[in-house]
Amino acid sequence: MHKLFFVFSIGLAIHAQTIHVNPYGPANGDGSSGAPFNNIAAAVARANTIGGIPTILIDPGYYPISDTIKIEAPMTLQGSEVLQVDPQGWPTGVVLSGERRLVGTSERR
């Protein structure tokens, strides 16, 4: 008598969502790479609602913040690096700006 054993494997992948922010994004951006949010507050508000641990990729730029931003769920805020490019437009590997700072002040602009 032969016994047949079937093994079923169910893989559950936790899909970590990426939210994009660019200061030149459209006013009605949705956080995708093609239509990024144009402010950090909108990205954080979205990340607070989607579950998991989303990553917010923040492109270089100036992001004025006039109201309190409440981080109410786990998330990663990650800045982007600006690489030097050669005359043909290819990246050289040299990082032109790598500093990441989020600064809160009481100054309103």
PDB file of N, CA and C in Angstrom:
ATOM      1  N   MET A   1       0.838  -1.164   0.000  1.00  0.00           N
ATOM      2  CA  MET A   1       0.000   0.000   0.000  1.00  0.00           C
ATOM      3  C   MET A   1       0.891   1.237   0.000  1.00  0.00           C
ATOM      4  N   HIS A   2       0.617   2.124  -0.923  1.00  0.00           N
ATOM      5  CA  HIS A   2       1.364   3.367  -1.009  1.00  0.00           C
ATOM      6  C   HIS A   2       0.557   4.488  -0.382  1.00  0.00           C
ATOM      7  N   LYS A   3       1.240   5.302   0.355  1.00  0.00           N
ATOM      8  CA  LYS A   3       0.566   6.449   0.959  1.00  0.00           C
ATOM      9  C   LYS A   3       1.039   7.707   0.249  1.00  0.00           C
ATOM     10  N   LEU A   4       0.103   8.522  -0.078  1.00  0.00           N
ATOM     11  CA  LEU A   4       0.434   9.794  -0.713  1.00  0.00           C
ATOM     12  C   LEU A   4       0.261  10.919   0.298  1.00  0.00           C
ATOM     13  N   PHE A   5       1.247  11.730   0.371  1.00  0.00           N
ATOM     14  CA  PHE A   5       1.179  12.870   1.268  1.00  0.00           C
ATOM     15  C   PHE A   5       1.225  14.135   0.423  1.00  0.00           C
ATOM     16  N   PHE A   6       0.315  14.985   0.681  1.00  0.00           N
ATOM     17  CA  PHE A   6       0.299  16.279   0.005  1.00  0.00           C
ATOM     18  C   PHE A   6       0.659  17.350   1.022  1.00  0.00           C
ATOM     19  N   VAL A   7       1.563  18.152   0.651  1.00  0.00           N
ATOM     20  CA  VAL A   7       1.963  19.242   1.531  1.00  0.00           C
ATOM     21  C   VAL A   7       1.516  20.542   0.878  1.00  0.00           C
ATOM     22  N   PHE A   8       0.739  21.269   1.596  1.00  0.00           N
ATOM     23  CA  PHE A   8       0.280  22.568   1.114  1.00  0.00           C
ATOM     24  C   PHE A   8       1.021  23.651   1.879  1.00  0.00           C
ATOM     25  N   SER A   9       1.543  24.525   1.153  1.00  0.00           N
ATOM     26  CA  SER A   9       2.282  25.627   1.771  1.00  0.00           C
ATOM     27  C   SER A   9       1.594  26.936   1.407  1.00  0.00           C
ATOM     28  N   ILE A  10       1.266  27.665   2.407  1.00  0.00           N
ATOM     29  CA  ILE A  10       0.654  28.960   2.188  1.00  0.00           C
ATOM     30  C   ILE A  10       1.639  30.010   2.671  1.00  0.00           C
ATOM     31  N   GLY A  11       2.059  30.822   1.757  1.00  0.00           N
ATOM     32  CA  GLY A  11       2.984  31.896   2.116  1.00  0.00           C
ATOM     33  C   GLY A  11       2.235  33.204   2.249  1.00  0.00           C
ATOM     34  N   LEU A  12       2.398  33.812   3.352  1.00  0.00           N
ATOM     35  CA  LEU A  12       1.784  35.116   3.564  1.00  0.00           C
ATOM     36  C   LEU A  12       2.876  36.163   3.557  1.00  0.00           C
ATOM     37  N   ALA A  13       2.781  37.043   2.626  1.00  0.00           N
ATOM     38  CA  ALA A  13       3.764  38.122   2.546  1.00  0.00           C
ATOM     39  C   ALA A  13       3.122  39.396   3.068  1.00  0.00           C
ATOM     40  N   ILE A  14       3.807  40.041   3.925  1.00  0.00           N
ATOM     41  CA  ILE A  14       3.329  41.322   4.409  1.00  0.00           C
ATOM     42  C   ILE A  14       3.801  42.368   3.420  1.00  0.00           C
ATOM     43  N   HIS A  15       2.858  42.992   2.775  1.00  0.00           N
ATOM     44  CA  HIS A  15       3.172  43.969   1.746  1.00  0.00           C
ATOM     45  C   HIS A  15       3.385  45.322   2.414  1.00  0.00           C
ATOM     46  N   ALA A  16       4.605  45.753   2.448  1.00  0.00           N
ATOM     47  CA  ALA A  16       4.912  47.065   3.016  1.00  0.00           C
ATOM     48  C   ALA A  16       4.709  48.108   1.929  1.00  0.00           C
ATOM     49  N   GLN A  17       3.842  49.040   2.192  1.00  0.00           N
ATOM     50  CA  GLN A  17       3.530  50.057   1.198  1.00  0.00           C
ATOM     51  C   GLN A  17       4.531  51.195   1.271  1.00  0.00           C
ATOM     52  N   THR A  18       4.862  51.736   0.117  1.00  0.00           N
ATOM     53  CA  THR A  18       5.755  52.881   0.028  1.00  0.00           C
ATOM     54  C   THR A  18       4.937  54.101  -0.374  1.00  0.00           C
ATOM     55  N   ILE A  19       5.140  55.183   0.353  1.00  0.00           N
ATOM     56  CA  ILE A  19       4.457  56.444   0.078  1.00  0.00           C
ATOM     57  C   ILE A  19       5.519  57.442  -0.353  1.00  0.00           C
ATOM     58  N   HIS A  20       5.283  58.119  -1.469  1.00  0.00           N
ATOM     59  CA  HIS A  20       6.265  59.045  -2.021  1.00  0.00           C
ATOM     60  C   HIS A  20       5.864  60.500  -1.745  1.00  0.00           C
ATOM     61  N   VAL A  21       6.898  61.328  -1.465  1.00  0.00           N
ATOM     62  CA  VAL A  21       6.688  62.758  -1.226  1.00  0.00           C
ATOM     63  C   VAL A  21       7.710  63.524  -2.053  1.00  0.00           C
ATOM     64  N   ASN A  22       7.233  64.515  -2.784  1.00  0.00           N
ATOM     65  CA  ASN A  22       8.102  65.370  -3.593  1.00  0.00           C
ATOM     66  C   ASN A  22       7.529  66.780  -3.527  1.00  0.00           C
ATOM     67  N   PRO A  23       8.367  67.794  -3.246  1.00  0.00           N
ATOM     68  CA  PRO A  23       7.826  69.146  -3.107  1.00  0.00           C
ATOM     69  C   PRO A  23       7.148  69.667  -4.366  1.00  0.00           C
ATOM     70  N   TYR A  24       7.425  69.053  -5.513  1.00  0.00           N
ATOM     71  CA  TYR A  24       6.826  69.486  -6.775  1.00  0.00           C
ATOM     72  C   TYR A  24       5.703  68.554  -7.229  1.00  0.00           C
ATOM     73  N   GLY A  25       5.252  67.678  -6.321  1.00  0.00           N
ATOM     74  CA  GLY A  25       4.168  66.767  -6.642  1.00  0.00           C
ATOM     75  C   GLY A  25       2.869  67.529  -6.863  1.00  0.00           C
ATOM     76  N   PRO A  26       1.891  66.893  -7.505  1.00  0.00           N
ATOM     77  CA  PRO A  26       0.619  67.569  -7.775  1.00  0.00           C
ATOM     78  C   PRO A  26      -0.163  67.822  -6.488  1.00  0.00           C
ATOM     79  N   ALA A  27      -1.018  68.832  -6.520  1.00  0.00           N
ATOM     80  CA  ALA A  27      -1.826  69.176  -5.343  1.00  0.00           C
ATOM     81  C   ALA A  27      -2.739  68.019  -4.940  1.00  0.00           C
ATOM     82  N   ASN A  28      -3.149  67.208  -5.889  1.00  0.00           N
ATOM     83  CA  ASN A  28      -4.037  66.082  -5.590  1.00  0.00           C
ATOM     84  C   ASN A  28      -3.287  64.751  -5.634  1.00  0.00           C
ATOM     85  N   GLY A  29      -2.008  64.754  -5.287  1.00  0.00           N
ATOM     86  CA  GLY A  29      -1.212  63.532  -5.324  1.00  0.00           C
ATOM     87  C   GLY A  29      -1.771  62.464  -4.407  1.00  0.00           C
ATOM     88  N   ASP A  30      -1.483  61.199  -4.753  1.00  0.00           N
ATOM     89  CA  ASP A  30      -1.984  60.082  -3.957  1.00  0.00           C
ATOM     90  C   ASP A  30      -0.876  59.312  -3.244  1.00  0.00           C
ATOM     91  N   GLY A  31       0.363  59.799  -3.336  1.00  0.00           N
ATOM     92  CA  GLY A  31       1.481  59.140  -2.668  1.00  0.00           C
ATOM     93  C   GLY A  31       2.178  58.092  -3.503  1.00  0.00           C
ATOM     94  N   SER A  32       1.714  57.879  -4.725  1.00  0.00           N
ATOM     95  CA  SER A  32       2.381  56.921  -5.617  1.00  0.00           C
ATOM     96  C   SER A  32       3.645  57.584  -6.183  1.00  0.00           C
ATOM     97  N   SER A  33       4.480  56.804  -6.845  1.00  0.00           N
ATOM     98  CA  SER A  33       5.690  57.386  -7.434  1.00  0.00           C
ATOM     99  C   SER A  33       5.342  58.328  -8.579  1.00  0.00           C
ATOM    100  N   GLY A  34       4.243  58.075  -9.272  1.00  0.00           N
ATOM    101  CA  GLY A  34       3.820  58.935 -10.383  1.00  0.00           C
ATOM    102  C   GLY A  34       3.070  60.183  -9.948  1.00  0.00           C
ATOM    103  N   ALA A  35       2.464  60.139  -8.773  1.00  0.00           N
ATOM    104  CA  ALA A  35       1.699  61.291  -8.254  1.00  0.00           C
ATOM    105  C   ALA A  35       1.969  61.407  -6.752  1.00  0.00           C
ATOM    106  N   PRO A  36       3.200  61.795  -6.392  1.00  0.00           N
ATOM    107  CA  PRO A  36       3.552  61.854  -4.970  1.00  0.00           C
ATOM    108  C   PRO A  36       2.797  62.956  -4.232  1.00  0.00           C
ATOM    109  N   PHE A  37       2.694  62.788  -2.911  1.00  0.00           N
ATOM    110  CA  PHE A  37       2.184  63.889  -2.104  1.00  0.00           C
ATOM    111  C   PHE A  37       3.180  65.035  -2.197  1.00  0.00           C
ATOM    112  N   ASN A  38       2.724  66.267  -2.051  1.00  0.00           N
ATOM    113  CA  ASN A  38       3.651  67.399  -2.097  1.00  0.00           C
ATOM    114  C   ASN A  38       3.938  67.950  -0.703  1.00  0.00           C
ATOM    115  N   ASN A  39       3.508  67.220   0.336  1.00  0.00           N
ATOM    116  CA  ASN A  39       3.828  67.646   1.701  1.00  0.00           C
ATOM    117  C   ASN A  39       3.907  66.420   2.605  1.00  0.00           C
ATOM    118  N   ILE A  40       4.672  66.569   3.665  1.00  0.00           N
ATOM    119  CA  ILE A  40       4.917  65.458   4.583  1.00  0.00           C
ATOM    120  C   ILE A  40       3.669  65.142   5.404  1.00  0.00           C
ATOM    121  N   ALA A  41       2.906  66.158   5.770  1.00  0.00           N
ATOM    122  CA  ALA A  41       1.713  65.938   6.592  1.00  0.00           C
ATOM    123  C   ALA A  41       0.729  64.993   5.904  1.00  0.00           C
ATOM    124  N   ALA A  42       0.508  65.150   4.619  1.00  0.00           N
ATOM    125  CA  ALA A  42      -0.419  64.279   3.887  1.00  0.00           C
ATOM    126  C   ALA A  42       0.105  62.846   3.858  1.00  0.00           C
ATOM    127  N   ALA A  43       1.403  62.690   3.690  1.00  0.00           N
ATOM    128  CA  ALA A  43       1.995  61.355   3.659  1.00  0.00           C
ATOM    129  C   ALA A  43       1.860  60.664   5.011  1.00  0.00           C
ATOM    130  N   VAL A  44       2.111  61.387   6.085  1.00  0.00           N
ATOM    131  CA  VAL A  44       1.984  60.805   7.424  1.00  0.00           C
ATOM    132  C   VAL A  44       0.522  60.459   7.710  1.00  0.00           C
ATOM    133  N   ALA A  45      -0.404  61.340   7.324  1.00  0.00           N
ATOM    134  CA  ALA A  45      -1.827  61.061   7.526  1.00  0.00           C
ATOM    135  C   ALA A  45      -2.223  59.774   6.804  1.00  0.00           C
ATOM    136  N   ARG A  46      -1.726  59.575   5.600  1.00  0.00           N
ATOM    137  CA  ARG A  46      -2.014  58.347   4.841  1.00  0.00           C
ATOM    138  C   ARG A  46      -1.393  57.135   5.531  1.00  0.00           C
ATOM    139  N   ALA A  47      -0.142  57.269   5.970  1.00  0.00           N
ATOM    140  CA  ALA A  47       0.552  56.163   6.622  1.00  0.00           C
ATOM    141  C   ALA A  47      -0.141  55.753   7.919  1.00  0.00           C
ATOM    142  N   ASN A  48      -0.763  56.707   8.611  1.00  0.00           N
ATOM    143  CA  ASN A  48      -1.482  56.410   9.847  1.00  0.00           C
ATOM    144  C   ASN A  48      -2.675  55.495   9.618  1.00  0.00           C
ATOM    145  N   THR A  49      -3.180  55.416   8.392  1.00  0.00           N
ATOM    146  CA  THR A  49      -4.421  54.692   8.137  1.00  0.00           C
ATOM    147  C   THR A  49      -4.264  53.365   7.414  1.00  0.00           C
ATOM    148  N   ILE A  50      -3.091  53.039   6.883  1.00  0.00           N
ATOM    149  CA  ILE A  50      -3.008  51.873   5.998  1.00  0.00           C
ATOM    150  C   ILE A  50      -2.554  50.582   6.662  1.00  0.00           C
ATOM    151  N   GLY A  51      -2.120  50.628   7.888  1.00  0.00           N
ATOM    152  CA  GLY A  51      -1.679  49.406   8.553  1.00  0.00           C
ATOM    153  C   GLY A  51      -0.296  48.976   8.104  1.00  0.00           C
ATOM    154  N   GLY A  52       0.213  47.954   8.731  1.00  0.00           N
ATOM    155  CA  GLY A  52       1.583  47.525   8.441  1.00  0.00           C
ATOM    156  C   GLY A  52       2.566  48.592   8.878  1.00  0.00           C
ATOM    157  N   ILE A  53       3.719  48.568   8.302  1.00  0.00           N
ATOM    158  CA  ILE A  53       4.726  49.591   8.584  1.00  0.00           C
ATOM    159  C   ILE A  53       5.148  50.191   7.247  1.00  0.00           C
ATOM    160  N   PRO A  54       4.413  51.194   6.771  1.00  0.00           N
ATOM    161  CA  PRO A  54       4.751  51.802   5.484  1.00  0.00           C
ATOM    162  C   PRO A  54       6.038  52.618   5.577  1.00  0.00           C
ATOM    163  N   THR A  55       6.655  52.809   4.424  1.00  0.00           N
ATOM    164  CA  THR A  55       7.842  53.652   4.318  1.00  0.00           C
ATOM    165  C   THR A  55       7.464  54.903   3.540  1.00  0.00           C
ATOM    166  N   ILE A  56       7.801  56.050   4.105  1.00  0.00           N
ATOM    167  CA  ILE A  56       7.573  57.323   3.427  1.00  0.00           C
ATOM    168  C   ILE A  56       8.913  57.764   2.858  1.00  0.00           C
ATOM    169  N   LEU A  57       9.020  57.803   1.525  1.00  0.00           N
ATOM    170  CA  LEU A  57      10.247  58.246   0.859  1.00  0.00           C
ATOM    171  C   LEU A  57      10.104  59.731   0.555  1.00  0.00           C
ATOM    172  N   ILE A  58      10.966  60.532   1.167  1.00  0.00           N
ATOM    173  CA  ILE A  58      10.890  61.982   1.040  1.00  0.00           C
ATOM    174  C   ILE A  58      12.010  62.457   0.126  1.00  0.00           C
ATOM    175  N   ASP A  59      11.627  63.005  -1.029  1.00  0.00           N
ATOM    176  CA  ASP A  59      12.612  63.554  -1.956  1.00  0.00           C
ATOM    177  C   ASP A  59      13.221  64.821  -1.379  1.00  0.00           C
ATOM    178  N   PRO A  60      14.434  65.168  -1.810  1.00  0.00           N
ATOM    179  CA  PRO A  60      15.055  66.402  -1.326  1.00  0.00           C
ATOM    180  C   PRO A  60      14.167  67.604  -1.641  1.00  0.00           C
ATOM    181  N   GLY A  61      14.147  68.547  -0.725  1.00  0.00           N
ATOM    182  CA  GLY A  61      13.364  69.753  -0.941  1.00  0.00           C
ATOM    183  C   GLY A  61      13.002  70.420   0.363  1.00  0.00           C
ATOM    184  N   TYR A  62      12.291  71.500   0.249  1.00  0.00           N
ATOM    185  CA  TYR A  62      11.843  72.268   1.401  1.00  0.00           C
ATOM    186  C   TYR A  62      10.359  72.007   1.586  1.00  0.00           C
ATOM    187  N   TYR A  63       9.970  71.599   2.784  1.00  0.00           N
ATOM    188  CA  TYR A  63       8.590  71.259   3.083  1.00  0.00           C
ATOM    189  C   TYR A  63       8.125  72.086   4.282  1.00  0.00           C
ATOM    190  N   PRO A  64       7.525  73.228   4.037  1.00  0.00           N
ATOM    191  CA  PRO A  64       7.039  74.018   5.175  1.00  0.00           C
ATOM    192  C   PRO A  64       5.901  73.283   5.879  1.00  0.00           C
ATOM    193  N   ILE A  65       5.929  73.317   7.197  1.00  0.00           N
ATOM    194  CA  ILE A  65       4.914  72.647   8.000  1.00  0.00           C
ATOM    195  C   ILE A  65       4.286  73.694   8.908  1.00  0.00           C
ATOM    196  N   SER A  66       2.973  73.878   8.761  1.00  0.00           N
ATOM    197  CA  SER A  66       2.299  74.914   9.543  1.00  0.00           C
ATOM    198  C   SER A  66       1.467  74.343  10.688  1.00  0.00           C
ATOM    199  N   ASP A  67       1.180  73.052  10.658  1.00  0.00           N
ATOM    200  CA  ASP A  67       0.373  72.428  11.703  1.00  0.00           C
ATOM    201  C   ASP A  67       1.109  71.239  12.292  1.00  0.00           C
ATOM    202  N   THR A  68       0.632  70.780  13.435  1.00  0.00           N
ATOM    203  CA  THR A  68       1.211  69.621  14.094  1.00  0.00           C
ATOM    204  C   THR A  68       0.989  68.374  13.239  1.00  0.00           C
ATOM    205  N   ILE A  69       2.021  67.557  13.126  1.00  0.00           N
ATOM    206  CA  ILE A  69       1.914  66.273  12.431  1.00  0.00           C
ATOM    207  C   ILE A  69       1.905  65.192  13.508  1.00  0.00           C
ATOM    208  N   LYS A  70       0.854  64.392  13.529  1.00  0.00           N
ATOM    209  CA  LYS A  70       0.724  63.334  14.530  1.00  0.00           C
ATOM    210  C   LYS A  70       1.052  61.985  13.900  1.00  0.00           C
ATOM    211  N   ILE A  71       2.077  61.354  14.426  1.00  0.00           N
ATOM    212  CA  ILE A  71       2.433  60.007  13.996  1.00  0.00           C
ATOM    213  C   ILE A  71       1.743  59.057  14.959  1.00  0.00           C
ATOM    214  N   GLU A  72       0.727  58.346  14.457  1.00  0.00           N
ATOM    215  CA  GLU A  72      -0.113  57.508  15.299  1.00  0.00           C
ATOM    216  C   GLU A  72       0.048  56.016  15.043  1.00  0.00           C
ATOM    217  N   ALA A  73       0.920  55.660  14.134  1.00  0.00           N
ATOM    218  CA  ALA A  73       1.136  54.256  13.790  1.00  0.00           C
ATOM    219  C   ALA A  73       2.609  54.071  13.428  1.00  0.00           C
ATOM    220  N   PRO A  74       3.112  52.840  13.484  1.00  0.00           N
ATOM    221  CA  PRO A  74       4.498  52.607  13.074  1.00  0.00           C
ATOM    222  C   PRO A  74       4.696  52.966  11.608  1.00  0.00           C
ATOM    223  N   MET A  75       5.793  53.627  11.311  1.00  0.00           N
ATOM    224  CA  MET A  75       6.140  53.978   9.933  1.00  0.00           C
ATOM    225  C   MET A  75       7.617  54.327   9.879  1.00  0.00           C
ATOM    226  N   THR A  76       8.167  54.334   8.671  1.00  0.00           N
ATOM    227  CA  THR A  76       9.552  54.719   8.450  1.00  0.00           C
ATOM    228  C   THR A  76       9.556  55.955   7.566  1.00  0.00           C
ATOM    229  N   LEU A  77      10.246  56.995   8.009  1.00  0.00           N
ATOM    230  CA  LEU A  77      10.452  58.180   7.179  1.00  0.00           C
ATOM    231  C   LEU A  77      11.882  58.114   6.670  1.00  0.00           C
ATOM    232  N   GLN A  78      12.038  58.154   5.365  1.00  0.00           N
ATOM    233  CA  GLN A  78      13.359  57.978   4.766  1.00  0.00           C
ATOM    234  C   GLN A  78      13.616  59.071   3.754  1.00  0.00           C
ATOM    235  N   GLY A  79      14.731  59.761   3.915  1.00  0.00           N
ATOM    236  CA  GLY A  79      15.118  60.798   2.969  1.00  0.00           C
ATOM    237  C   GLY A  79      15.773  60.199   1.745  1.00  0.00           C
ATOM    238  N   SER A  80      15.866  60.969   0.711  1.00  0.00           N
ATOM    239  CA  SER A  80      16.501  60.535  -0.524  1.00  0.00           C
ATOM    240  C   SER A  80      17.870  61.169  -0.644  1.00  0.00           C
ATOM    241  N   GLU A  81      18.752  60.463  -1.275  1.00  0.00           N
ATOM    242  CA  GLU A  81      20.068  61.016  -1.530  1.00  0.00           C
ATOM    243  C   GLU A  81      20.110  61.609  -2.930  1.00  0.00           C
ATOM    244  N   VAL A  82      20.878  62.667  -3.067  1.00  0.00           N
ATOM    245  CA  VAL A  82      21.084  63.270  -4.378  1.00  0.00           C
ATOM    246  C   VAL A  82      22.482  62.878  -4.823  1.00  0.00           C
ATOM    247  N   LEU A  83      22.562  62.152  -5.922  1.00  0.00           N
ATOM    248  CA  LEU A  83      23.848  61.694  -6.428  1.00  0.00           C
ATOM    249  C   LEU A  83      24.386  62.651  -7.491  1.00  0.00           C
ATOM    250  N   GLN A  84      25.694  62.793  -7.494  1.00  0.00           N
ATOM    251  CA  GLN A  84      26.353  63.570  -8.543  1.00  0.00           C
ATOM    252  C   GLN A  84      26.256  62.776  -9.840  1.00  0.00           C
ATOM    253  N   VAL A  85      26.045  63.474 -10.941  1.00  0.00           N
ATOM    254  CA  VAL A  85      26.002  62.809 -12.242  1.00  0.00           C
ATOM    255  C   VAL A  85      27.136  63.313 -13.118  1.00  0.00           C
ATOM    256  N   ASP A  86      27.568  62.455 -14.035  1.00  0.00           N
ATOM    257  CA  ASP A  86      28.646  62.844 -14.949  1.00  0.00           C
ATOM    258  C   ASP A  86      28.047  63.599 -16.141  1.00  0.00           C
ATOM    259  N   PRO A  87      28.891  64.086 -17.064  1.00  0.00           N
ATOM    260  CA  PRO A  87      28.376  64.855 -18.209  1.00  0.00           C
ATOM    261  C   PRO A  87      27.361  64.101 -19.072  1.00  0.00           C
ATOM    262  N   GLN A  88      27.384  62.773 -19.020  1.00  0.00           N
ATOM    263  CA  GLN A  88      26.416  61.985 -19.795  1.00  0.00           C
ATOM    264  C   GLN A  88      25.117  61.738 -19.022  1.00  0.00           C
ATOM    265  N   GLY A  89      25.062  62.218 -17.784  1.00  0.00           N
ATOM    266  CA  GLY A  89      23.864  62.044 -16.976  1.00  0.00           C
ATOM    267  C   GLY A  89      23.838  60.789 -16.128  1.00  0.00           C
ATOM    268  N   TRP A  90      24.944  60.053 -16.082  1.00  0.00           N
ATOM    269  CA  TRP A  90      25.018  58.833 -15.289  1.00  0.00           C
ATOM    270  C   TRP A  90      25.488  59.155 -13.870  1.00  0.00           C
ATOM    271  N   PRO A  91      24.939  58.468 -12.850  1.00  0.00           N
ATOM    272  CA  PRO A  91      25.393  58.718 -11.472  1.00  0.00           C
ATOM    273  C   PRO A  91      26.827  58.268 -11.277  1.00  0.00           C
ATOM    274  N   THR A  92      27.588  59.075 -10.544  1.00  0.00           N
ATOM    275  CA  THR A  92      28.997  58.761 -10.293  1.00  0.00           C
ATOM    276  C   THR A  92      29.195  57.975  -9.006  1.00  0.00           C
ATOM    277  N   GLY A  93      28.168  57.927  -8.157  1.00  0.00           N
ATOM    278  CA  GLY A  93      28.308  57.269  -6.863  1.00  0.00           C
ATOM    279  C   GLY A  93      28.655  58.250  -5.760  1.00  0.00           C
ATOM    280  N   VAL A  94      28.942  59.499  -6.118  1.00  0.00           N
ATOM    281  CA  VAL A  94      29.251  60.529  -5.129  1.00  0.00           C
ATOM    282  C   VAL A  94      27.937  61.144  -4.656  1.00  0.00           C
ATOM    283  N   VAL A  95      27.736  61.148  -3.351  1.00  0.00           N
ATOM    284  CA  VAL A  95      26.516  61.706  -2.775  1.00  0.00           C
ATOM    285  C   VAL A  95      26.712  63.197  -2.551  1.00  0.00           C
ATOM    286  N   LEU A  96      25.847  64.006  -3.176  1.00  0.00           N
ATOM    287  CA  LEU A  96      25.940  65.462  -3.016  1.00  0.00           C
ATOM    288  C   LEU A  96      25.265  65.926  -1.738  1.00  0.00           C
ATOM    289  N   SER A  97      24.143  65.324  -1.392  1.00  0.00           N
ATOM    290  CA  SER A  97      23.489  65.666  -0.132  1.00  0.00           C
ATOM    291  C   SER A  97      22.995  64.397   0.505  1.00  0.00           C
ATOM    292  N   GLY A  98      23.392  64.200   1.721  1.00  0.00           N
ATOM    293  CA  GLY A  98      23.003  62.993   2.419  1.00  0.00           C
ATOM    294  C   GLY A  98      22.477  63.273   3.809  1.00  0.00           C
ATOM    295  N   GLU A  99      22.421  64.515   4.190  1.00  0.00           N
ATOM    296  CA  GLU A  99      21.968  64.861   5.524  1.00  0.00           C
ATOM    297  C   GLU A  99      20.457  64.772   5.606  1.00  0.00           C
ATOM    298  N   ARG A 100      19.961  64.227   6.705  1.00  0.00           N
ATOM    299  CA  ARG A 100      18.526  64.117   6.919  1.00  0.00           C
ATOM    300  C   ARG A 100      18.187  64.860   8.196  1.00  0.00           C
ATOM    301  N   ARG A 101      17.320  65.825   8.081  1.00  0.00           N
ATOM    302  CA  ARG A 101      16.877  66.533   9.280  1.00  0.00           C
ATOM    303  C   ARG A 101      15.411  66.900   9.137  1.00  0.00           C
ATOM    304  N   LEU A 102      14.657  66.635  10.164  1.00  0.00           N
ATOM    305  CA  LEU A 102      13.311  67.174  10.283  1.00  0.00           C
ATOM    306  C   LEU A 102      13.389  68.148  11.438  1.00  0.00           C
ATOM    307  N   VAL A 103      13.108  69.388  11.170  1.00  0.00           N
ATOM    308  CA  VAL A 103      13.264  70.426  12.184  1.00  0.00           C
ATOM    309  C   VAL A 103      11.920  71.071  12.447  1.00  0.00           C
ATOM    310  N   GLY A 104      11.537  71.101  13.702  1.00  0.00           N
ATOM    311  CA  GLY A 104      10.304  71.784  14.081  1.00  0.00           C
ATOM    312  C   GLY A 104      10.629  73.115  14.717  1.00  0.00           C
ATOM    313  N   THR A 105       9.973  74.135  14.285  1.00  0.00           N
ATOM    314  CA  THR A 105      10.166  75.471  14.873  1.00  0.00           C
ATOM    315  C   THR A 105       8.814  76.123  15.086  1.00  0.00           C
ATOM    316  N   SER A 106       8.818  77.191  15.847  1.00  0.00           N
ATOM    317  CA  SER A 106       7.584  77.936  16.048  1.00  0.00           C
ATOM    318  C   SER A 106       7.445  79.053  15.018  1.00  0.00           C
ATOM    319  N   GLU A 107       8.437  79.171  14.161  1.00  0.00           N
ATOM    320  CA  GLU A 107       8.423  80.215  13.132  1.00  0.00           C
ATOM    321  C   GLU A 107       7.423  79.862  12.043  1.00  0.00           C
ATOM    322  N   ARG A 108       6.625  80.819  11.650  1.00  0.00           N
ATOM    323  CA  ARG A 108       5.683  80.608  10.556  1.00  0.00           C
ATOM    324  C   ARG A 108       6.153  81.423   9.377  1.00  0.00           C
ATOM    325  N   ARG A 109       6.131  80.809   8.216  1.00  0.00           N
ATOM    326  CA  ARG A 109       6.567  81.509   7.016  1.00  0.00           C
ATOM    327  C   ARG A 109       5.395  81.863   6.161  1.00  0.00           C
TER     328      ARG A 109
END
